[in-house]
Amino acid sequence: MEKSFIVIDSGSTKADWIHFPSGSKLTTKGFNPFYHKTHEITSELRKHIDFLTQFYNTSEIFWYGSGCSNPQKNEIIFNALKLFFPISKIHIEHDLLGAARALLNTQKGIACILGTGSNSCLYDGKNIISNIPSLGFLLGDEGSATHISKKFLKSFFYGELLPETNQKFITQFALDRAQFLNELHNSKEPNLMIAQFTPFLSENIHFLDVQRIVKDCFREFFNHQVSRYEGFLNLPIAFTGSVANAFEEILKEVVKEWNGNFYQVIKNPIDALYNFHQ
């Protein structure tokens, strides 16, 4: 079999696919084995059957996914992929390792994910050698879209927003508190339901109360995550994810507050992972 591979970088919202050597790309819904079962993943992937069957004989599949933190959870993803790639060697890794490889390649540093959820690790240039648990959106995920939007929604429902921010949000969304909370409590993916408001915050970052909320969330991320890695002040600190990309300037300010070494932000790690495996 001629050498070929597919790299997939999957968050909880979307997954980016790229095939070597063709360079063909695909974007699908993201899958997290904490929220999705094998049959749900296969059902969604069948919507992209033309792409998948085109490369069914690919040598290797490298899946980097959120929630892929233990063999039991990884098996959920593995079993779904095996239906579409029965002769491929399939590797299931945590998206944190993918982020580290994309952001730092082979140099030591701290890799951070700020997307729908958040996570971080200390990377020695080859392996993750330390990881502060992110605790998920109910208890942690500081600095993530879910965390930032949750803080914003609390300020909105408590009546704490500035009048201009409050009016613009009402005009755009017209949320009914009781209805929203009822739908949230019954949602299969409450983290995504909360995180959906982050684009509004990005578009209205000129409002001072929005800036404060975002900055405070990044400060919490630094306090609970980055600052706990030994030698963090002497290491490059790199970020990937939609939130890191959208609020890069505020993120830089927070890193500067800690006298940290801001390295780079990559919105989507897929191209860097492609180069890493190539």
C-alpha atoms as a PDB file:
ATOM      1  CA  MET A   1       0.000   0.000   0.000  1.00  0.00           C
ATOM      2  CA  GLU A   2       1.361   3.417  -0.953  1.00  0.00           C
ATOM      3  CA  LYS A   3       2.052   5.599   2.085  1.00  0.00           C
ATOM      4  CA  SER A   4      -0.894   7.822   2.860  1.00  0.00           C
ATOM      5  CA  PHE A   5      -2.593   9.184   5.928  1.00  0.00           C
ATOM      6  CA  ILE A   6      -5.501  11.285   7.167  1.00  0.00           C
ATOM      7  CA  VAL A   7      -5.118  13.663  10.086  1.00  0.00           C
ATOM      8  CA  ILE A   8      -8.236  14.743  11.973  1.00  0.00           C
ATOM      9  CA  ASP A   9      -8.350  17.479  14.586  1.00  0.00           C
ATOM     10  CA  SER A  10     -11.671  17.299  16.421  1.00  0.00           C
ATOM     11  CA  GLY A  11     -13.026  19.641  19.038  1.00  0.00           C
ATOM     12  CA  SER A  12     -16.502  19.433  20.495  1.00  0.00           C
ATOM     13  CA  THR A  13     -17.899  21.743  17.793  1.00  0.00           C
ATOM     14  CA  LYS A  14     -16.164  20.776  14.547  1.00  0.00           C
ATOM     15  CA  ALA A  15     -13.550  18.445  13.128  1.00  0.00           C
ATOM     16  CA  ASP A  16     -11.023  19.284  10.413  1.00  0.00           C
ATOM     17  CA  TRP A  17      -9.759  16.483   8.144  1.00  0.00           C
ATOM     18  CA  ILE A  18      -6.853  16.476   5.704  1.00  0.00           C
ATOM     19  CA  HIS A  19      -5.516  13.687   3.499  1.00  0.00           C
ATOM     20  CA  PHE A  20      -1.916  13.053   2.481  1.00  0.00           C
ATOM     21  CA  PRO A  21      -0.714  13.140  -0.242  1.00  0.00           C
ATOM     22  CA  SER A  22      -3.719  14.728  -1.996  1.00  0.00           C
ATOM     23  CA  GLY A  23      -4.170  17.604   0.456  1.00  0.00           C
ATOM     24  CA  SER A  24      -7.944  17.141   0.240  1.00  0.00           C
ATOM     25  CA  LYS A  25      -9.791  18.685   3.183  1.00  0.00           C
ATOM     26  CA  LEU A  26     -13.100  18.076   4.906  1.00  0.00           C
ATOM     27  CA  THR A  27     -14.919  19.685   7.815  1.00  0.00           C
ATOM     28  CA  THR A  28     -17.457  17.694   9.823  1.00  0.00           C
ATOM     29  CA  LYS A  29     -19.238  18.051  13.107  1.00  0.00           C
ATOM     30  CA  GLY A  30     -16.891  17.589  16.053  1.00  0.00           C
ATOM     31  CA  PHE A  31     -17.151  14.498  18.232  1.00  0.00           C
ATOM     32  CA  ASN A  32     -16.410  14.073  21.901  1.00  0.00           C
ATOM     33  CA  PRO A  33     -16.736  10.529  23.287  1.00  0.00           C
ATOM     34  CA  PHE A  34     -18.051  11.946  26.558  1.00  0.00           C
ATOM     35  CA  TYR A  35     -21.109  13.202  24.672  1.00  0.00           C
ATOM     36  CA  HIS A  36     -21.329  11.027  21.547  1.00  0.00           C
ATOM     37  CA  LYS A  37     -21.792   7.295  21.036  1.00  0.00           C
ATOM     38  CA  THR A  38     -20.295   5.292  18.176  1.00  0.00           C
ATOM     39  CA  HIS A  39     -23.615   5.047  16.326  1.00  0.00           C
ATOM     40  CA  GLU A  40     -24.098   8.834  16.514  1.00  0.00           C
ATOM     41  CA  ILE A  41     -20.646   9.401  15.029  1.00  0.00           C
ATOM     42  CA  THR A  42     -21.132   6.900  12.197  1.00  0.00           C
ATOM     43  CA  SER A  43     -24.534   8.380  11.391  1.00  0.00           C
ATOM     44  CA  GLU A  44     -23.015  11.835  11.043  1.00  0.00           C
ATOM     45  CA  LEU A  45     -20.004  10.615   9.052  1.00  0.00           C
ATOM     46  CA  ARG A  46     -22.245   8.896   6.513  1.00  0.00           C
ATOM     47  CA  LYS A  47     -23.222  12.381   5.382  1.00  0.00           C
ATOM     48  CA  HIS A  48     -19.660  12.656   4.037  1.00  0.00           C
ATOM     49  CA  ILE A  49     -19.455   9.191   2.515  1.00  0.00           C
ATOM     50  CA  ASP A  50     -18.039  10.450  -0.814  1.00  0.00           C
ATOM     51  CA  PHE A  51     -14.921  11.805   0.885  1.00  0.00           C
ATOM     52  CA  LEU A  52     -14.518   8.813   3.190  1.00  0.00           C
ATOM     53  CA  THR A  53     -14.887   6.111   0.526  1.00  0.00           C
ATOM     54  CA  GLN A  54     -12.484   7.978  -1.749  1.00  0.00           C
ATOM     55  CA  PHE A  55      -9.721   7.324   0.787  1.00  0.00           C
ATOM     56  CA  TYR A  56     -10.901   4.040   2.318  1.00  0.00           C
ATOM     57  CA  ASN A  57      -7.493   2.421   1.664  1.00  0.00           C
ATOM     58  CA  THR A  58      -5.499   5.096   3.513  1.00  0.00           C
ATOM     59  CA  SER A  59      -2.515   3.616   5.366  1.00  0.00           C
ATOM     60  CA  GLU A  60      -2.954   5.430   8.667  1.00  0.00           C
ATOM     61  CA  ILE A  61      -5.539   7.574  10.433  1.00  0.00           C
ATOM     62  CA  PHE A  62      -4.407  10.054  13.100  1.00  0.00           C
ATOM     63  CA  TRP A  63      -7.334  11.272  15.184  1.00  0.00           C
ATOM     64  CA  TYR A  64      -6.680  14.041  17.714  1.00  0.00           C
ATOM     65  CA  GLY A  65      -9.879  14.623  19.638  1.00  0.00           C
ATOM     66  CA  SER A  66     -11.325  16.320  22.673  1.00  0.00           C
ATOM     67  CA  GLY A  67     -12.402  13.822  25.305  1.00  0.00           C
ATOM     68  CA  CYS A  68     -10.024  11.111  24.031  1.00  0.00           C
ATOM     69  CA  SER A  69      -8.447  10.693  27.427  1.00  0.00           C
ATOM     70  CA  ASN A  70      -8.625   6.954  28.137  1.00  0.00           C
ATOM     71  CA  PRO A  71      -8.875   3.632  26.260  1.00  0.00           C
ATOM     72  CA  GLN A  72     -12.598   3.236  26.920  1.00  0.00           C
ATOM     73  CA  LYS A  73     -13.459   6.630  25.453  1.00  0.00           C
ATOM     74  CA  ASN A  74     -10.995   6.214  22.594  1.00  0.00           C
ATOM     75  CA  GLU A  75     -12.724   2.981  21.601  1.00  0.00           C
ATOM     76  CA  ILE A  76     -15.903   4.914  20.806  1.00  0.00           C
ATOM     77  CA  ILE A  77     -14.035   6.913  18.160  1.00  0.00           C
ATOM     78  CA  PHE A  78     -11.982   3.914  16.989  1.00  0.00           C
ATOM     79  CA  ASN A  79     -15.048   1.759  16.329  1.00  0.00           C
ATOM     80  CA  ALA A  80     -16.686   4.503  14.267  1.00  0.00           C
ATOM     81  CA  LEU A  81     -13.585   5.098  12.140  1.00  0.00           C
ATOM     82  CA  LYS A  82     -12.991   1.382  11.607  1.00  0.00           C
ATOM     83  CA  LEU A  83     -16.288   1.084   9.744  1.00  0.00           C
ATOM     84  CA  PHE A  84     -15.072   3.547   7.127  1.00  0.00           C
ATOM     85  CA  PHE A  85     -11.364   2.624   7.148  1.00  0.00           C
ATOM     86  CA  PRO A  86     -11.282  -1.154   7.756  1.00  0.00           C
ATOM     87  CA  ILE A  87      -7.711  -1.707   6.517  1.00  0.00           C
ATOM     88  CA  SER A  88      -6.120   1.427   8.012  1.00  0.00           C
ATOM     89  CA  LYS A  89      -3.979   1.624  11.117  1.00  0.00           C
ATOM     90  CA  ILE A  90      -5.919   3.970  13.395  1.00  0.00           C
ATOM     91  CA  HIS A  91      -4.295   6.107  16.089  1.00  0.00           C
ATOM     92  CA  ILE A  92      -6.551   7.859  18.623  1.00  0.00           C
ATOM     93  CA  GLU A  93      -4.854  10.616  20.600  1.00  0.00           C
ATOM     94  CA  HIS A  94      -6.017  13.457  22.805  1.00  0.00           C
ATOM     95  CA  ASP A  95      -6.434  16.800  21.022  1.00  0.00           C
ATOM     96  CA  LEU A  96      -3.971  18.212  23.535  1.00  0.00           C
ATOM     97  CA  LEU A  97      -1.128  16.205  22.002  1.00  0.00           C
ATOM     98  CA  GLY A  98      -2.237  17.419  18.581  1.00  0.00           C
ATOM     99  CA  ALA A  99      -2.176  20.996  19.818  1.00  0.00           C
ATOM    100  CA  ALA A 100       1.314  20.569  21.280  1.00  0.00           C
ATOM    101  CA  ARG A 101       2.670  19.045  18.066  1.00  0.00           C
ATOM    102  CA  ALA A 102       1.046  21.745  15.946  1.00  0.00           C
ATOM    103  CA  LEU A 103       2.096  24.671  18.131  1.00  0.00           C
ATOM    104  CA  LEU A 104       5.545  23.619  19.312  1.00  0.00           C
ATOM    105  CA  ASN A 105       6.634  20.867  16.910  1.00  0.00           C
ATOM    106  CA  THR A 106       9.697  19.461  18.702  1.00  0.00           C
ATOM    107  CA  GLN A 107      10.503  22.236  21.189  1.00  0.00           C
ATOM    108  CA  LYS A 108       9.619  22.246  24.864  1.00  0.00           C
ATOM    109  CA  GLY A 109       6.855  24.573  25.953  1.00  0.00           C
ATOM    110  CA  ILE A 110       3.303  25.007  27.185  1.00  0.00           C
ATOM    111  CA  ALA A 111       0.509  24.270  24.729  1.00  0.00           C
ATOM    112  CA  CYS A 112      -2.984  25.596  25.401  1.00  0.00           C
ATOM    113  CA  ILE A 113      -6.361  24.971  23.793  1.00  0.00           C
ATOM    114  CA  LEU A 114      -8.969  27.715  24.047  1.00  0.00           C
ATOM    115  CA  GLY A 115     -11.978  26.676  22.016  1.00  0.00           C
ATOM    116  CA  THR A 116     -15.409  25.425  23.051  1.00  0.00           C
ATOM    117  CA  GLY A 117     -13.529  23.898  26.000  1.00  0.00           C
ATOM    118  CA  SER A 118     -10.045  24.561  27.337  1.00  0.00           C
ATOM    119  CA  ASN A 119      -6.991  22.561  28.295  1.00  0.00           C
ATOM    120  CA  SER A 120      -3.232  22.888  28.621  1.00  0.00           C
ATOM    121  CA  CYS A 121      -0.093  20.824  28.974  1.00  0.00           C
ATOM    122  CA  LEU A 122       3.641  20.900  29.476  1.00  0.00           C
ATOM    123  CA  TYR A 123       5.265  19.369  26.385  1.00  0.00           C
ATOM    124  CA  ASP A 124       8.885  18.219  26.218  1.00  0.00           C
ATOM    125  CA  GLY A 125       9.109  18.291  22.423  1.00  0.00           C
ATOM    126  CA  LYS A 126       7.886  14.742  22.055  1.00  0.00           C
ATOM    127  CA  ASN A 127       5.417  13.860  24.797  1.00  0.00           C
ATOM    128  CA  ILE A 128       3.061  15.536  27.233  1.00  0.00           C
ATOM    129  CA  ILE A 129       4.839  15.384  30.571  1.00  0.00           C
ATOM    130  CA  SER A 130       2.315  17.268  32.699  1.00  0.00           C
ATOM    131  CA  ASN A 131      -1.354  18.153  32.359  1.00  0.00           C
ATOM    132  CA  ILE A 132      -3.468  20.134  34.810  1.00  0.00           C
ATOM    133  CA  PRO A 133      -6.987  18.658  34.504  1.00  0.00           C
ATOM    134  CA  SER A 134      -9.442  21.026  32.838  1.00  0.00           C
ATOM    135  CA  LEU A 135     -12.449  19.534  34.749  1.00  0.00           C
ATOM    136  CA  GLY A 136     -14.915  20.100  31.897  1.00  0.00           C
ATOM    137  CA  PHE A 137     -17.465  22.855  31.421  1.00  0.00           C
ATOM    138  CA  LEU A 138     -19.382  22.233  34.651  1.00  0.00           C
ATOM    139  CA  LEU A 139     -16.419  22.755  36.980  1.00  0.00           C
ATOM    140  CA  GLY A 140     -13.627  24.192  34.844  1.00  0.00           C
ATOM    141  CA  ASP A 141     -12.789  24.894  31.187  1.00  0.00           C
ATOM    142  CA  GLU A 142     -11.562  28.325  32.229  1.00  0.00           C
ATOM    143  CA  GLY A 143     -10.978  30.685  29.308  1.00  0.00           C
ATOM    144  CA  SER A 144     -13.104  28.628  26.925  1.00  0.00           C
ATOM    145  CA  ALA A 145     -16.082  29.735  24.839  1.00  0.00           C
ATOM    146  CA  THR A 146     -18.391  27.972  27.272  1.00  0.00           C
ATOM    147  CA  HIS A 147     -16.770  29.618  30.291  1.00  0.00           C
ATOM    148  CA  ILE A 148     -16.767  33.112  28.767  1.00  0.00           C
ATOM    149  CA  SER A 149     -20.348  32.856  27.511  1.00  0.00           C
ATOM    150  CA  LYS A 150     -21.496  31.440  30.851  1.00  0.00           C
ATOM    151  CA  LYS A 151     -20.019  34.466  32.654  1.00  0.00           C
ATOM    152  CA  PHE A 152     -21.644  36.794  30.152  1.00  0.00           C
ATOM    153  CA  LEU A 153     -25.066  35.132  30.435  1.00  0.00           C
ATOM    154  CA  LYS A 154     -24.924  35.354  34.221  1.00  0.00           C
ATOM    155  CA  SER A 155     -24.196  39.079  33.973  1.00  0.00           C
ATOM    156  CA  PHE A 156     -27.053  39.458  31.505  1.00  0.00           C
ATOM    157  CA  PHE A 157     -29.640  37.595  33.558  1.00  0.00           C
ATOM    158  CA  TYR A 158     -28.500  39.317  36.771  1.00  0.00           C
ATOM    159  CA  GLY A 159     -28.875  42.724  35.089  1.00  0.00           C
ATOM    160  CA  GLU A 160     -25.192  43.607  35.483  1.00  0.00           C
ATOM    161  CA  LEU A 161     -24.343  44.541  31.873  1.00  0.00           C
ATOM    162  CA  LEU A 162     -23.830  48.093  30.685  1.00  0.00           C
ATOM    163  CA  PRO A 163     -27.008  49.508  29.085  1.00  0.00           C
ATOM    164  CA  GLU A 164     -25.488  49.564  25.577  1.00  0.00           C
ATOM    165  CA  THR A 165     -24.297  45.955  25.802  1.00  0.00           C
ATOM    166  CA  ASN A 166     -27.582  44.804  27.300  1.00  0.00           C
ATOM    167  CA  GLN A 167     -29.702  46.458  24.617  1.00  0.00           C
ATOM    168  CA  LYS A 168     -27.633  45.113  21.749  1.00  0.00           C
ATOM    169  CA  PHE A 169     -27.791  41.576  23.149  1.00  0.00           C
ATOM    170  CA  ILE A 170     -31.563  41.785  23.644  1.00  0.00           C
ATOM    171  CA  THR A 171     -32.032  43.117  20.123  1.00  0.00           C
ATOM    172  CA  GLN A 172     -30.013  40.279  18.604  1.00  0.00           C
ATOM    173  CA  PHE A 173     -31.224  37.335  20.714  1.00  0.00           C
ATOM    174  CA  ALA A 174     -34.396  38.301  22.643  1.00  0.00           C
ATOM    175  CA  LEU A 175     -33.720  35.553  25.203  1.00  0.00           C
ATOM    176  CA  ASP A 176     -36.475  34.544  27.547  1.00  0.00           C
ATOM    177  CA  ARG A 177     -34.799  33.484  30.775  1.00  0.00           C
ATOM    178  CA  ALA A 178     -37.220  30.725  31.775  1.00  0.00           C
ATOM    179  CA  GLN A 179     -37.377  29.244  28.289  1.00  0.00           C
ATOM    180  CA  PHE A 180     -33.603  29.359  27.823  1.00  0.00           C
ATOM    181  CA  LEU A 181     -32.889  27.704  31.167  1.00  0.00           C
ATOM    182  CA  ASN A 182     -35.467  25.008  30.483  1.00  0.00           C
ATOM    183  CA  GLU A 183     -33.930  24.253  27.074  1.00  0.00           C
ATOM    184  CA  LEU A 184     -30.449  24.318  28.584  1.00  0.00           C
ATOM    185  CA  HIS A 185     -31.333  21.804  31.282  1.00  0.00           C
ATOM    186  CA  ASN A 186     -32.815  19.470  28.676  1.00  0.00           C
ATOM    187  CA  SER A 187     -30.084  19.883  26.065  1.00  0.00           C
ATOM    188  CA  LYS A 188     -27.891  16.930  25.082  1.00  0.00           C
ATOM    189  CA  GLU A 189     -25.018  19.349  24.458  1.00  0.00           C
ATOM    190  CA  PRO A 190     -25.430  22.182  26.986  1.00  0.00           C
ATOM    191  CA  ASN A 191     -21.822  23.288  26.537  1.00  0.00           C
ATOM    192  CA  LEU A 192     -22.468  24.085  22.865  1.00  0.00           C
ATOM    193  CA  MET A 193     -25.746  25.797  23.702  1.00  0.00           C
ATOM    194  CA  ILE A 194     -23.893  28.124  26.068  1.00  0.00           C
ATOM    195  CA  ALA A 195     -20.863  28.621  23.810  1.00  0.00           C
ATOM    196  CA  GLN A 196     -22.993  29.799  20.871  1.00  0.00           C
ATOM    197  CA  PHE A 197     -22.910  33.368  22.188  1.00  0.00           C
ATOM    198  CA  THR A 198     -19.134  33.765  21.954  1.00  0.00           C
ATOM    199  CA  PRO A 199     -19.230  35.205  18.388  1.00  0.00           C
ATOM    200  CA  PHE A 200     -21.462  37.987  19.714  1.00  0.00           C
ATOM    201  CA  LEU A 201     -18.820  38.786  22.326  1.00  0.00           C
ATOM    202  CA  SER A 202     -16.084  38.786  19.699  1.00  0.00           C
ATOM    203  CA  GLU A 203     -18.083  41.169  17.507  1.00  0.00           C
ATOM    204  CA  ASN A 204     -18.719  43.473  20.466  1.00  0.00           C
ATOM    205  CA  ILE A 205     -15.374  43.329  22.226  1.00  0.00           C
ATOM    206  CA  HIS A 206     -15.294  47.160  22.151  1.00  0.00           C
ATOM    207  CA  PHE A 207     -17.779  47.170  25.049  1.00  0.00           C
ATOM    208  CA  LEU A 208     -15.865  47.520  28.313  1.00  0.00           C
ATOM    209  CA  ASP A 209     -17.938  44.961  30.199  1.00  0.00           C
ATOM    210  CA  VAL A 210     -17.318  42.365  27.480  1.00  0.00           C
ATOM    211  CA  GLN A 211     -13.578  43.089  27.645  1.00  0.00           C
ATOM    212  CA  ARG A 212     -13.636  42.668  31.419  1.00  0.00           C
ATOM    213  CA  ILE A 213     -15.441  39.324  31.243  1.00  0.00           C
ATOM    214  CA  VAL A 214     -13.064  37.923  28.615  1.00  0.00           C
ATOM    215  CA  LYS A 215      -9.969  39.150  30.441  1.00  0.00           C
ATOM    216  CA  ASP A 216     -11.165  37.774  33.776  1.00  0.00           C
ATOM    217  CA  CYS A 217     -11.784  34.367  32.187  1.00  0.00           C
ATOM    218  CA  PHE A 218      -8.284  34.324  30.691  1.00  0.00           C
ATOM    219  CA  ARG A 219      -6.868  35.306  34.077  1.00  0.00           C
ATOM    220  CA  GLU A 220      -8.642  32.328  35.631  1.00  0.00           C
ATOM    221  CA  PHE A 221      -7.187  30.083  32.939  1.00  0.00           C
ATOM    222  CA  PHE A 222      -3.689  31.357  33.649  1.00  0.00           C
ATOM    223  CA  ASN A 223      -4.159  31.081  37.403  1.00  0.00           C
ATOM    224  CA  HIS A 224      -5.547  27.531  37.427  1.00  0.00           C
ATOM    225  CA  GLN A 225      -3.634  26.149  34.449  1.00  0.00           C
ATOM    226  CA  VAL A 226      -0.566  27.843  32.975  1.00  0.00           C
ATOM    227  CA  SER A 227       0.982  29.227  36.154  1.00  0.00           C
ATOM    228  CA  ARG A 228       1.018  25.783  37.771  1.00  0.00           C
ATOM    229  CA  TYR A 229       3.574  24.326  35.344  1.00  0.00           C
ATOM    230  CA  GLU A 230       7.115  24.325  36.684  1.00  0.00           C
ATOM    231  CA  GLY A 231       9.277  26.909  34.950  1.00  0.00           C
ATOM    232  CA  PHE A 232       6.369  28.413  33.008  1.00  0.00           C
ATOM    233  CA  LEU A 233       7.944  31.887  32.943  1.00  0.00           C
ATOM    234  CA  ASN A 234      10.933  30.543  30.985  1.00  0.00           C
ATOM    235  CA  LEU A 235       8.964  28.567  28.397  1.00  0.00           C
ATOM    236  CA  PRO A 236       7.147  29.549  25.197  1.00  0.00           C
ATOM    237  CA  ILE A 237       3.376  29.623  25.764  1.00  0.00           C
ATOM    238  CA  ALA A 238       1.352  28.873  22.653  1.00  0.00           C
ATOM    239  CA  PHE A 239      -2.381  28.768  21.994  1.00  0.00           C
ATOM    240  CA  THR A 240      -4.791  27.240  19.534  1.00  0.00           C
ATOM    241  CA  GLY A 241      -8.558  27.397  19.163  1.00  0.00           C
ATOM    242  CA  SER A 242     -11.281  29.748  18.022  1.00  0.00           C
ATOM    243  CA  VAL A 243     -11.348  31.684  21.305  1.00  0.00           C
ATOM    244  CA  ALA A 244      -7.587  32.217  21.386  1.00  0.00           C
ATOM    245  CA  ASN A 245      -7.781  33.474  17.810  1.00  0.00           C
ATOM    246  CA  ALA A 246     -10.796  35.741  18.376  1.00  0.00           C
ATOM    247  CA  PHE A 247      -9.407  37.389  21.518  1.00  0.00           C
ATOM    248  CA  GLU A 248      -5.684  37.213  20.785  1.00  0.00           C
ATOM    249  CA  GLU A 249      -4.934  40.787  21.849  1.00  0.00           C
ATOM    250  CA  ILE A 250      -6.586  40.356  25.260  1.00  0.00           C
ATOM    251  CA  LEU A 251      -4.799  37.040  25.645  1.00  0.00           C
ATOM    252  CA  LYS A 252      -1.477  38.755  25.012  1.00  0.00           C
ATOM    253  CA  GLU A 253      -2.304  41.320  27.701  1.00  0.00           C
ATOM    254  CA  VAL A 254      -2.976  38.602  30.258  1.00  0.00           C
ATOM    255  CA  VAL A 255       0.246  36.748  29.407  1.00  0.00           C
ATOM    256  CA  LYS A 256       2.092  40.051  29.816  1.00  0.00           C
ATOM    257  CA  GLU A 257       0.495  40.568  33.241  1.00  0.00           C
ATOM    258  CA  TRP A 258       2.161  37.318  34.321  1.00  0.00           C
ATOM    259  CA  ASN A 259       5.470  38.216  32.615  1.00  0.00           C
ATOM    260  CA  GLY A 260       5.017  35.118  30.464  1.00  0.00           C
ATOM    261  CA  ASN A 261       6.584  34.351  27.088  1.00  0.00           C
ATOM    262  CA  PHE A 262       3.791  34.604  24.520  1.00  0.00           C
ATOM    263  CA  TYR A 263       4.784  32.441  21.531  1.00  0.00           C
ATOM    264  CA  GLN A 264       1.966  32.222  18.985  1.00  0.00           C
ATOM    265  CA  VAL A 265      -1.720  31.603  18.287  1.00  0.00           C
ATOM    266  CA  ILE A 266      -2.912  29.148  15.640  1.00  0.00           C
ATOM    267  CA  LYS A 267      -6.660  29.165  15.015  1.00  0.00           C
ATOM    268  CA  ASN A 268      -6.781  25.673  13.487  1.00  0.00           C
ATOM    269  CA  PRO A 269      -3.896  23.233  14.049  1.00  0.00           C
ATOM    270  CA  ILE A 270      -4.755  20.986  11.128  1.00  0.00           C
ATOM    271  CA  ASP A 271      -2.221  22.380   8.632  1.00  0.00           C
ATOM    272  CA  ALA A 272       0.598  22.311  11.189  1.00  0.00           C
ATOM    273  CA  LEU A 273      -0.326  18.713  12.091  1.00  0.00           C
ATOM    274  CA  TYR A 274      -0.277  17.820   8.407  1.00  0.00           C
ATOM    275  CA  ASN A 275       3.273  19.160   8.158  1.00  0.00           C
ATOM    276  CA  PHE A 276       4.277  17.399  11.391  1.00  0.00           C
ATOM    277  CA  HIS A 277       3.194  13.984  10.102  1.00  0.00           C
ATOM    278  CA  GLN A 278       4.472  14.590   6.604  1.00  0.00           C
END
